[in-house]
N, C-alpha and C. Protein backbone atom coordinates (compact mmCIF):
# COMPACT_ATOMS: atom_id res chain seq x y z
N UNK A 1 27.38 97.03 -143.48
CA UNK A 1 26.66 96.02 -144.23
C UNK A 1 27.53 94.77 -144.41
N UNK A 2 28.82 94.98 -144.59
CA UNK A 2 29.70 93.83 -144.77
C UNK A 2 29.68 92.93 -143.54
N UNK A 3 29.73 93.53 -142.37
CA UNK A 3 29.71 92.73 -141.13
C UNK A 3 28.40 91.96 -141.01
N UNK A 4 27.30 92.60 -141.36
CA UNK A 4 25.99 91.94 -141.29
C UNK A 4 25.93 90.77 -142.27
N UNK A 5 26.44 90.99 -143.47
CA UNK A 5 26.45 89.92 -144.47
C UNK A 5 27.33 88.76 -144.03
N UNK A 6 28.47 89.07 -143.45
CA UNK A 6 29.34 88.00 -142.94
C UNK A 6 28.66 87.24 -141.81
N UNK A 7 27.96 87.96 -140.96
CA UNK A 7 27.21 87.34 -139.87
C UNK A 7 26.15 86.38 -140.42
N UNK A 8 25.39 86.83 -141.41
CA UNK A 8 24.37 85.98 -142.02
C UNK A 8 24.99 84.74 -142.66
N UNK A 9 26.08 84.94 -143.36
CA UNK A 9 26.77 83.80 -144.00
C UNK A 9 27.28 82.83 -142.94
N UNK A 10 27.82 83.35 -141.86
CA UNK A 10 28.32 82.50 -140.78
C UNK A 10 27.19 81.71 -140.12
N UNK A 11 26.05 82.36 -139.93
CA UNK A 11 24.90 81.65 -139.36
C UNK A 11 24.48 80.48 -140.25
N UNK A 12 24.29 80.76 -141.52
CA UNK A 12 23.87 79.71 -142.44
C UNK A 12 24.88 78.58 -142.52
N UNK A 13 26.15 78.93 -142.58
CA UNK A 13 27.21 77.92 -142.67
C UNK A 13 27.28 77.09 -141.38
N UNK A 14 27.14 77.74 -140.25
CA UNK A 14 27.16 77.02 -138.97
C UNK A 14 26.04 76.00 -138.89
N UNK A 15 24.85 76.43 -139.28
CA UNK A 15 23.71 75.51 -139.24
C UNK A 15 23.93 74.35 -140.21
N UNK A 16 24.42 74.67 -141.40
CA UNK A 16 24.69 73.62 -142.39
C UNK A 16 25.72 72.62 -141.87
N UNK A 17 26.81 73.13 -141.32
CA UNK A 17 27.88 72.25 -140.83
C UNK A 17 27.44 71.43 -139.62
N UNK A 18 26.50 71.92 -138.87
CA UNK A 18 25.96 71.15 -137.75
C UNK A 18 24.95 70.12 -138.26
N UNK A 19 24.16 70.51 -139.24
CA UNK A 19 23.08 69.66 -139.73
C UNK A 19 23.60 68.44 -140.49
N UNK A 20 24.63 68.61 -141.27
CA UNK A 20 25.12 67.50 -142.10
C UNK A 20 25.51 66.27 -141.28
N UNK A 21 26.30 66.40 -140.21
CA UNK A 21 26.60 65.20 -139.43
C UNK A 21 25.39 64.65 -138.67
N UNK A 22 24.47 65.53 -138.28
CA UNK A 22 23.26 65.05 -137.61
C UNK A 22 22.46 64.17 -138.57
N UNK A 23 22.32 64.63 -139.81
CA UNK A 23 21.61 63.83 -140.81
C UNK A 23 22.37 62.52 -141.06
N UNK A 24 23.68 62.61 -141.16
CA UNK A 24 24.49 61.40 -141.41
C UNK A 24 24.34 60.39 -140.27
N UNK A 25 24.24 60.87 -139.05
CA UNK A 25 24.17 59.97 -137.89
C UNK A 25 22.75 59.54 -137.52
N UNK A 26 21.77 60.39 -137.81
CA UNK A 26 20.41 60.11 -137.34
C UNK A 26 19.36 60.09 -138.44
N UNK A 27 19.74 60.42 -139.65
CA UNK A 27 18.78 60.42 -140.75
C UNK A 27 17.93 61.69 -140.76
N UNK A 28 16.96 61.69 -141.65
CA UNK A 28 16.12 62.86 -141.86
C UNK A 28 14.81 62.80 -141.07
N UNK A 29 14.68 61.84 -140.19
CA UNK A 29 13.42 61.60 -139.49
C UNK A 29 13.28 62.51 -138.27
N UNK A 30 13.19 63.81 -138.51
CA UNK A 30 13.14 64.80 -137.43
C UNK A 30 11.78 64.88 -136.76
N UNK A 31 10.72 64.80 -137.52
CA UNK A 31 9.39 65.12 -136.98
C UNK A 31 8.97 64.27 -135.78
N UNK A 32 9.17 62.96 -135.78
CA UNK A 32 8.79 62.20 -134.58
C UNK A 32 9.56 62.64 -133.34
N UNK A 33 10.82 62.96 -133.50
CA UNK A 33 11.62 63.43 -132.37
C UNK A 33 11.12 64.81 -131.93
N UNK A 34 10.93 65.69 -132.89
CA UNK A 34 10.50 67.06 -132.61
C UNK A 34 9.17 67.07 -131.86
N UNK A 35 8.17 66.40 -132.43
CA UNK A 35 6.85 66.40 -131.80
C UNK A 35 6.80 65.49 -130.57
N UNK A 36 7.64 64.47 -130.55
CA UNK A 36 7.73 63.62 -129.36
C UNK A 36 8.22 64.40 -128.16
N UNK A 37 9.21 65.26 -128.39
CA UNK A 37 9.70 66.11 -127.30
C UNK A 37 8.61 67.07 -126.82
N UNK A 38 7.82 67.59 -127.73
CA UNK A 38 6.72 68.47 -127.34
C UNK A 38 5.71 67.70 -126.49
N UNK A 39 5.40 66.49 -126.91
CA UNK A 39 4.41 65.68 -126.18
C UNK A 39 4.87 65.33 -124.77
N UNK A 40 6.17 65.27 -124.55
CA UNK A 40 6.70 64.94 -123.22
C UNK A 40 6.54 66.07 -122.21
N UNK A 41 6.26 67.27 -122.70
CA UNK A 41 6.08 68.44 -121.83
C UNK A 41 7.31 68.67 -120.93
N UNK A 42 8.49 68.65 -121.56
CA UNK A 42 9.71 68.96 -120.81
C UNK A 42 10.46 70.07 -121.54
N UNK A 43 11.70 70.36 -121.11
CA UNK A 43 12.43 71.50 -121.68
C UNK A 43 12.73 71.37 -123.16
N UNK A 44 13.14 70.22 -123.66
CA UNK A 44 13.31 70.15 -125.12
C UNK A 44 12.01 70.44 -125.88
N UNK A 45 10.90 69.99 -125.33
CA UNK A 45 9.61 70.27 -125.95
C UNK A 45 9.26 71.75 -125.89
N UNK A 46 9.57 72.37 -124.75
CA UNK A 46 9.32 73.80 -124.61
C UNK A 46 10.13 74.57 -125.64
N UNK A 47 11.38 74.18 -125.82
CA UNK A 47 12.22 74.83 -126.83
C UNK A 47 11.62 74.66 -128.22
N UNK A 48 11.13 73.46 -128.51
CA UNK A 48 10.54 73.21 -129.83
C UNK A 48 9.30 74.05 -130.08
N UNK A 49 8.48 74.23 -129.04
CA UNK A 49 7.29 75.09 -129.19
C UNK A 49 7.74 76.53 -129.42
N UNK A 50 8.70 76.99 -128.64
CA UNK A 50 9.22 78.35 -128.79
C UNK A 50 9.80 78.53 -130.20
N UNK A 51 10.61 77.58 -130.63
CA UNK A 51 11.20 77.63 -131.97
C UNK A 51 10.12 77.65 -133.04
N UNK A 52 9.08 76.87 -132.84
CA UNK A 52 7.98 76.84 -133.81
C UNK A 52 7.32 78.20 -133.96
N UNK A 53 7.21 78.94 -132.86
CA UNK A 53 6.62 80.28 -132.97
C UNK A 53 7.51 81.20 -133.80
N UNK A 54 8.83 81.05 -133.66
CA UNK A 54 9.74 81.84 -134.49
C UNK A 54 9.61 81.46 -135.97
N UNK A 55 9.45 80.18 -136.23
CA UNK A 55 9.25 79.75 -137.61
C UNK A 55 7.96 80.34 -138.18
N UNK A 56 6.90 80.31 -137.39
CA UNK A 56 5.62 80.86 -137.86
C UNK A 56 5.72 82.36 -138.09
N UNK A 57 6.37 83.08 -137.18
CA UNK A 57 6.54 84.52 -137.38
C UNK A 57 7.38 84.81 -138.62
N UNK A 58 8.41 84.02 -138.83
CA UNK A 58 9.26 84.22 -140.00
C UNK A 58 8.51 83.91 -141.28
N UNK A 59 7.71 82.85 -141.25
CA UNK A 59 6.88 82.53 -142.42
C UNK A 59 5.95 83.70 -142.74
N UNK A 60 5.32 84.23 -141.72
CA UNK A 60 4.40 85.35 -141.92
C UNK A 60 5.15 86.56 -142.48
N UNK A 61 6.33 86.85 -141.95
CA UNK A 61 7.12 87.98 -142.44
C UNK A 61 7.49 87.80 -143.90
N UNK A 62 7.97 86.61 -144.27
CA UNK A 62 8.37 86.36 -145.66
C UNK A 62 7.16 86.54 -146.59
N UNK A 63 6.04 85.98 -146.21
CA UNK A 63 4.84 86.12 -147.04
C UNK A 63 4.40 87.58 -147.12
N UNK A 64 4.40 88.27 -145.99
CA UNK A 64 3.96 89.67 -145.93
C UNK A 64 4.86 90.58 -146.75
N UNK A 65 6.20 90.43 -146.58
CA UNK A 65 7.11 91.34 -147.29
C UNK A 65 7.02 91.14 -148.79
N UNK A 66 6.50 89.99 -149.21
CA UNK A 66 6.30 89.71 -150.62
C UNK A 66 4.85 89.91 -151.05
N UNK A 67 4.09 90.61 -150.22
CA UNK A 67 2.72 90.97 -150.56
C UNK A 67 1.77 89.78 -150.66
N UNK A 68 2.07 88.72 -149.95
CA UNK A 68 1.26 87.50 -149.99
C UNK A 68 1.05 87.00 -151.42
N UNK A 69 2.05 87.27 -152.26
CA UNK A 69 2.01 86.79 -153.65
C UNK A 69 2.30 85.29 -153.66
N UNK A 70 2.04 84.66 -154.79
CA UNK A 70 2.33 83.23 -154.90
C UNK A 70 3.81 82.94 -154.64
N UNK A 71 4.74 83.70 -155.27
CA UNK A 71 6.15 83.45 -154.94
C UNK A 71 6.46 83.67 -153.46
N UNK A 72 5.84 84.68 -152.86
CA UNK A 72 6.06 84.94 -151.45
C UNK A 72 5.54 83.82 -150.57
N UNK A 73 4.40 83.28 -150.92
CA UNK A 73 3.84 82.17 -150.15
C UNK A 73 4.69 80.91 -150.32
N UNK A 74 5.21 80.71 -151.53
CA UNK A 74 6.09 79.56 -151.75
C UNK A 74 7.40 79.72 -150.96
N UNK A 75 7.94 80.93 -150.96
CA UNK A 75 9.14 81.18 -150.16
C UNK A 75 8.86 80.94 -148.68
N UNK A 76 7.70 81.40 -148.22
CA UNK A 76 7.34 81.22 -146.81
C UNK A 76 7.29 79.74 -146.44
N UNK A 77 6.90 78.91 -147.38
CA UNK A 77 6.84 77.47 -147.11
C UNK A 77 8.23 76.85 -146.93
N UNK A 78 9.26 77.55 -147.37
CA UNK A 78 10.62 77.05 -147.18
C UNK A 78 11.14 77.29 -145.76
N UNK A 79 10.49 78.19 -145.04
CA UNK A 79 10.96 78.53 -143.69
C UNK A 79 10.96 77.32 -142.75
N UNK A 80 9.86 76.57 -142.62
CA UNK A 80 9.91 75.46 -141.67
C UNK A 80 10.85 74.34 -142.12
N UNK A 81 11.12 74.26 -143.40
CA UNK A 81 12.04 73.23 -143.90
C UNK A 81 13.49 73.66 -143.70
N UNK A 82 13.77 74.92 -144.00
CA UNK A 82 15.14 75.41 -143.95
C UNK A 82 15.51 76.16 -142.69
N UNK A 83 14.51 76.61 -141.93
CA UNK A 83 14.77 77.31 -140.68
C UNK A 83 15.74 78.47 -140.84
N UNK A 84 16.67 78.54 -139.91
CA UNK A 84 17.65 79.62 -139.92
C UNK A 84 18.58 79.57 -141.11
N UNK A 85 18.82 78.38 -141.63
CA UNK A 85 19.69 78.26 -142.80
C UNK A 85 19.02 78.95 -143.99
N UNK A 86 17.73 78.70 -144.19
CA UNK A 86 17.01 79.37 -145.27
C UNK A 86 16.92 80.87 -145.01
N UNK A 87 16.52 81.23 -143.80
CA UNK A 87 16.26 82.64 -143.50
C UNK A 87 17.53 83.47 -143.61
N UNK A 88 18.64 82.96 -143.10
CA UNK A 88 19.89 83.72 -143.22
C UNK A 88 20.29 83.87 -144.68
N UNK A 89 20.13 82.81 -145.46
CA UNK A 89 20.44 82.89 -146.88
C UNK A 89 19.51 83.83 -147.63
N UNK A 90 18.24 83.80 -147.27
CA UNK A 90 17.25 84.67 -147.91
C UNK A 90 17.56 86.14 -147.62
N UNK A 91 17.82 86.45 -146.37
CA UNK A 91 18.13 87.84 -146.01
C UNK A 91 19.46 88.26 -146.65
N UNK A 92 20.43 87.36 -146.67
CA UNK A 92 21.71 87.66 -147.33
C UNK A 92 21.48 87.97 -148.80
N UNK A 93 20.70 87.15 -149.47
CA UNK A 93 20.37 87.39 -150.88
C UNK A 93 19.71 88.76 -151.04
N UNK A 94 18.76 89.07 -150.16
CA UNK A 94 18.07 90.36 -150.25
C UNK A 94 19.02 91.53 -150.07
N UNK A 95 19.99 91.40 -149.17
CA UNK A 95 20.93 92.52 -148.97
C UNK A 95 21.73 92.82 -150.23
N UNK A 96 22.01 91.79 -151.00
CA UNK A 96 22.73 92.02 -152.26
C UNK A 96 21.79 92.51 -153.35
N UNK A 97 20.65 91.84 -153.50
CA UNK A 97 19.75 92.21 -154.60
C UNK A 97 19.14 93.59 -154.40
N UNK A 98 19.04 94.04 -153.16
CA UNK A 98 18.48 95.36 -152.87
C UNK A 98 19.58 96.37 -152.51
N UNK A 99 20.81 96.01 -152.81
CA UNK A 99 21.97 96.90 -152.64
C UNK A 99 22.08 97.48 -151.23
N UNK A 100 21.81 96.63 -150.24
CA UNK A 100 21.98 97.05 -148.85
C UNK A 100 20.88 97.93 -148.30
N UNK A 101 19.80 98.11 -149.03
CA UNK A 101 18.68 98.94 -148.56
C UNK A 101 17.88 98.15 -147.53
N UNK A 102 18.17 98.38 -146.26
CA UNK A 102 17.55 97.58 -145.20
C UNK A 102 16.05 97.82 -145.08
N UNK A 103 15.59 99.00 -145.41
CA UNK A 103 14.14 99.22 -145.40
C UNK A 103 13.47 98.30 -146.41
N UNK A 104 14.06 98.19 -147.59
CA UNK A 104 13.50 97.30 -148.61
C UNK A 104 13.67 95.84 -148.22
N UNK A 105 14.77 95.51 -147.57
CA UNK A 105 14.98 94.13 -147.12
C UNK A 105 13.87 93.74 -146.14
N UNK A 106 13.61 94.59 -145.19
CA UNK A 106 12.65 94.25 -144.14
C UNK A 106 11.20 94.44 -144.56
N UNK A 107 10.93 95.48 -145.35
CA UNK A 107 9.55 95.83 -145.67
C UNK A 107 9.10 95.38 -147.05
N UNK A 108 10.03 95.11 -147.92
CA UNK A 108 9.72 94.89 -149.33
C UNK A 108 9.90 96.22 -150.06
N UNK A 109 10.20 96.15 -151.33
CA UNK A 109 10.52 97.37 -152.09
C UNK A 109 9.37 98.35 -152.16
N UNK A 110 8.16 97.87 -152.38
CA UNK A 110 7.01 98.78 -152.50
C UNK A 110 6.77 99.55 -151.21
N UNK A 111 6.79 98.86 -150.09
CA UNK A 111 6.56 99.54 -148.81
C UNK A 111 7.70 100.51 -148.49
N UNK A 112 8.92 100.12 -148.80
CA UNK A 112 10.07 101.00 -148.54
C UNK A 112 9.97 102.26 -149.38
N UNK A 113 9.57 102.12 -150.63
CA UNK A 113 9.41 103.28 -151.51
C UNK A 113 8.29 104.18 -151.00
N UNK A 114 7.18 103.59 -150.61
CA UNK A 114 6.05 104.37 -150.09
C UNK A 114 6.43 105.09 -148.80
N UNK A 115 7.24 104.46 -147.99
CA UNK A 115 7.68 105.06 -146.73
C UNK A 115 8.51 106.31 -146.97
N UNK A 116 9.29 106.27 -148.02
CA UNK A 116 10.15 107.40 -148.34
C UNK A 116 9.40 108.54 -149.03
N UNK A 117 8.20 108.23 -149.47
CA UNK A 117 7.37 109.26 -150.10
C UNK A 117 7.76 109.49 -151.49
């Protein structure tokens, strides 16, 4: 579990350290670039479409594991804004709050308890 937690922390930190200079050099105006690349129908656009599917799947997972509750839906809305930085931090938080119970991390506490009978 320690290695997994370190991995999650490293992912989040890497994204943060990469993002800060990008924002400093190019500002926060990501959407025109992101969707512009998609409109060009080239490899950067293909990557953005692929990445978008991962964001959508992650949003669905966050909402689902929280039972589509209001807090879960609000958390899911953070996925497209925070991407991997949010998701790595969220999963890292869950590993601590759920004491390393990966079934509960992935499924939510109620489903993990029901699974165990």
